[in-house]
């Protein structure tokens, strides 16, 4: 399988379709069926105690798997999450970016399944694991 979008094309897509979150992320690596997405952690992502909040980690995983799918199928904005499982494994480092190392396990015509391991930059052990399923819209709308 080959990529249908580049890092620059994915970044432009996010800027255009999701400007409310686009500045929070950077694509570190893109390969067929894989992506590494960075959450640029700042004050808005922290919870009391100075650690990254659960909703911020979930958003990173969700966006990473979504972008991995779009990298493979092209810019179909209406791909949606249909199932999610999330395991918080350890406390993220304070005020440190998080990276989601993501791979697609299945990419069908109507469903995609992906896994993401989230890491605090500079730490070896993952802080969380996510598994998500997405419904993929048809390339052409039915008539």
Protein backbone atom coordinates (compact mmCIF):
# COMPACT_ATOMS: atom_id res chain seq x y z
CA UNK A 1 0.00 0.00 0.00
CA UNK A 2 1.18 3.48 -0.81
CA UNK A 3 0.57 6.84 0.79
CA UNK A 4 -1.94 9.12 -0.90
CA UNK A 5 -0.99 12.24 1.06
CA UNK A 6 2.32 13.76 2.16
CA UNK A 7 3.18 15.35 5.49
CA UNK A 8 2.68 18.80 3.94
CA UNK A 9 -0.69 17.83 2.46
CA UNK A 10 -1.88 16.42 5.80
CA UNK A 11 -0.75 19.59 7.60
CA UNK A 12 -2.60 21.75 5.05
CA UNK A 13 -5.71 19.57 5.46
CA UNK A 14 -5.68 19.99 9.24
CA UNK A 15 -5.09 23.74 8.93
CA UNK A 16 -8.09 24.01 6.59
CA UNK A 17 -10.55 21.53 8.15
CA UNK A 18 -9.63 21.72 11.86
CA UNK A 19 -8.08 25.14 12.48
CA UNK A 20 -9.21 25.00 16.12
CA UNK A 21 -6.56 22.32 16.87
CA UNK A 22 -4.08 22.59 14.00
CA UNK A 23 -1.49 24.60 15.94
CA UNK A 24 -1.31 21.93 18.67
CA UNK A 25 0.22 19.21 16.49
CA UNK A 26 3.26 18.46 14.34
CA UNK A 27 3.76 15.41 12.12
CA UNK A 28 7.19 13.99 12.95
CA UNK A 29 7.09 10.98 10.61
CA UNK A 30 4.77 9.48 8.00
CA UNK A 31 5.08 6.09 6.31
CA UNK A 32 2.58 3.66 4.79
CA UNK A 33 0.18 2.58 7.56
CA UNK A 34 2.16 4.57 10.20
CA UNK A 35 2.48 8.09 11.59
CA UNK A 36 4.17 9.80 14.51
CA UNK A 37 2.21 12.82 15.66
CA UNK A 38 3.49 15.25 18.30
CA UNK A 39 1.31 17.15 20.74
CA UNK A 40 3.06 20.45 21.41
CA UNK A 41 2.23 20.56 25.10
CA UNK A 42 1.50 23.94 26.63
CA UNK A 43 -0.54 25.26 29.55
CA UNK A 44 -3.92 24.44 27.95
CA UNK A 45 -3.06 20.71 27.96
CA UNK A 46 -2.22 20.47 31.66
CA UNK A 47 -4.34 19.37 34.58
CA UNK A 48 -3.75 20.14 38.24
CA UNK A 49 -0.38 18.76 39.24
CA UNK A 50 1.25 19.92 36.00
CA UNK A 51 0.74 16.74 34.00
CA UNK A 52 -0.91 16.36 30.59
CA UNK A 53 -4.66 15.82 30.92
CA UNK A 54 -6.48 12.70 29.79
CA UNK A 55 -8.60 14.59 27.23
CA UNK A 56 -5.42 16.00 25.65
CA UNK A 57 -3.88 12.52 25.41
CA UNK A 58 -7.10 11.13 23.91
CA UNK A 59 -7.15 13.95 21.35
CA UNK A 60 -3.57 13.16 20.34
CA UNK A 61 -4.34 9.48 19.80
CA UNK A 62 -7.58 10.22 17.93
CA UNK A 63 -5.91 12.75 15.62
CA UNK A 64 -2.91 10.47 15.01
CA UNK A 65 -5.00 7.50 13.91
CA UNK A 66 -7.26 9.78 11.83
CA UNK A 67 -4.24 11.27 10.03
CA UNK A 68 -2.69 7.84 9.48
CA UNK A 69 -5.92 6.80 7.75
CA UNK A 70 -6.10 9.96 5.64
CA UNK A 71 -2.47 9.52 4.65
CA UNK A 72 -3.50 6.20 3.10
CA UNK A 73 -6.94 7.03 1.62
CA UNK A 74 -6.64 10.74 0.82
CA UNK A 75 -8.49 13.76 2.21
CA UNK A 76 -11.89 12.44 3.27
CA UNK A 77 -12.90 14.70 6.13
CA UNK A 78 -15.93 12.62 7.10
CA UNK A 79 -14.02 9.57 8.37
CA UNK A 80 -15.28 9.22 11.96
CA UNK A 81 -14.33 7.36 15.13
CA UNK A 82 -16.77 4.52 15.82
CA UNK A 83 -14.99 2.82 18.73
CA UNK A 84 -12.22 3.73 21.15
CA UNK A 85 -10.36 1.99 23.94
CA UNK A 86 -7.79 3.89 25.99
CA UNK A 87 -5.38 2.70 28.67
CA UNK A 88 -3.56 5.22 30.86
CA UNK A 89 -0.38 3.44 31.95
CA UNK A 90 1.77 6.04 33.72
CA UNK A 91 1.90 9.75 34.41
CA UNK A 92 3.32 11.80 31.51
CA UNK A 93 6.32 14.01 32.18
CA UNK A 94 5.40 17.56 33.19
CA UNK A 95 5.50 20.22 30.47
CA UNK A 96 6.97 17.82 27.90
CA UNK A 97 5.62 17.14 24.40
CA UNK A 98 3.88 13.82 23.79
CA UNK A 99 4.33 11.69 20.67
CA UNK A 100 1.83 9.13 19.40
CA UNK A 101 3.58 6.29 17.56
CA UNK A 102 0.72 5.00 15.47
CA UNK A 103 0.09 2.11 13.11
CA UNK A 104 -2.93 0.99 11.19
CA UNK A 105 -3.76 -2.67 11.79
CA UNK A 106 -6.55 -2.89 9.22
CA UNK A 107 -7.51 -0.59 6.39
CA UNK A 108 -10.62 -1.75 4.58
CA UNK A 109 -13.07 0.04 2.30
CA UNK A 110 -15.45 0.97 5.11
CA UNK A 111 -13.53 0.42 8.37
CA UNK A 112 -10.03 1.07 9.67
CA UNK A 113 -8.47 -0.05 12.95
CA UNK A 114 -5.41 1.57 14.48
CA UNK A 115 -3.24 1.50 17.59
CA UNK A 116 -1.28 4.35 19.13
CA UNK A 117 1.33 4.27 21.87
CA UNK A 118 1.84 7.65 23.53
CA UNK A 119 5.23 8.67 24.88
CA UNK A 120 6.55 11.66 26.77
CA UNK A 121 9.48 12.90 24.67
CA UNK A 122 12.72 11.61 26.17
CA UNK A 123 11.12 8.71 28.05
CA UNK A 124 11.32 5.09 26.96
CA UNK A 125 8.10 3.69 28.46
CA UNK A 126 4.72 4.60 26.97
CA UNK A 127 2.30 6.66 29.05
CA UNK A 128 -0.85 5.45 27.30
CA UNK A 129 -2.20 3.10 24.65
CA UNK A 130 -5.19 3.66 22.39
CA UNK A 131 -7.04 1.39 19.99
CA UNK A 132 -9.60 2.99 17.69
CA UNK A 133 -11.90 2.02 14.85
CA UNK A 134 -13.02 4.48 12.17
CA UNK A 135 -15.82 4.37 9.64
CA UNK A 136 -14.54 5.45 6.24
CA UNK A 137 -16.97 7.26 3.94
CA UNK A 138 -17.25 6.09 0.33
CA UNK A 139 -15.05 7.95 -2.16
CA UNK A 140 -18.16 9.01 -4.05
CA UNK A 141 -21.47 9.81 -2.44
CA UNK A 142 -24.22 7.39 -3.52
CA UNK A 143 -26.69 8.85 -6.01
